């Protein structure tokens, strides 16, 4: 069981959102380490215990799952040095990061974000998923609707037109045009300081796991770039 974050965690994240600079963070770094990061590692360990029961390939070492608090500002107009949330991601072992479905959650002073899906596939994985969806859209739609009560609808940034090689009148065009396939749910941040946060994360991860199993069928065996023109699509 995970008892929840201490109240100091949300207080720290609220303060960081208002004072995102080194002068504020450095004197409070110990608070971050002990009241935010350490409990987050414990929570990830508890989530792993849940994943082991229904998605064992996604169990991830906590230190590898939890993102750094420091932002990469090299190519950003926003030079704020710190993220105002703490987050963790669970990739499938052996899968392409960004190209295969992953579980994710984050905690900030504003919300608990729980997400899952394919976020940033490289071109080969993108084509593989689109080609697979073109062939399997009917069964996939049925499975993809099941998590909606807990996670909302599957969504993602989409092209305006059919991608090259796919017919404009394909019955799965809405799925094929997508560049990301993601679920996202937002919960009250107050849950973070209670023991309820762990079961809330686990039940949502469990809800989307069957969808991941389907999408993994697409990226497990990368397809030829010429497949989009296959007459079976």
Foldseek 3Di string as FASTA:
>chain_A
DQFFFAPLQQVVLVVCVVPLDPVVCVVCVVCCVPRPLVSQQVLLVLLQVLCCVPPVQQNDRSVQFKDDQADDCPPPPDVRGGDSKIKGKTDGPPFDVLLAKIWMWIAHNAWIKTKIWRHHHDVLSLLLLLLLCLQVVVVLVVLQPQLCVLFNHWDADFDPAAPPLADRPRPCRVVSRHRITMTMDIHNNVCRNGPVVSVSNSVSCNSCVVSSVSSCVRRVDGDDPNSSNPPSD
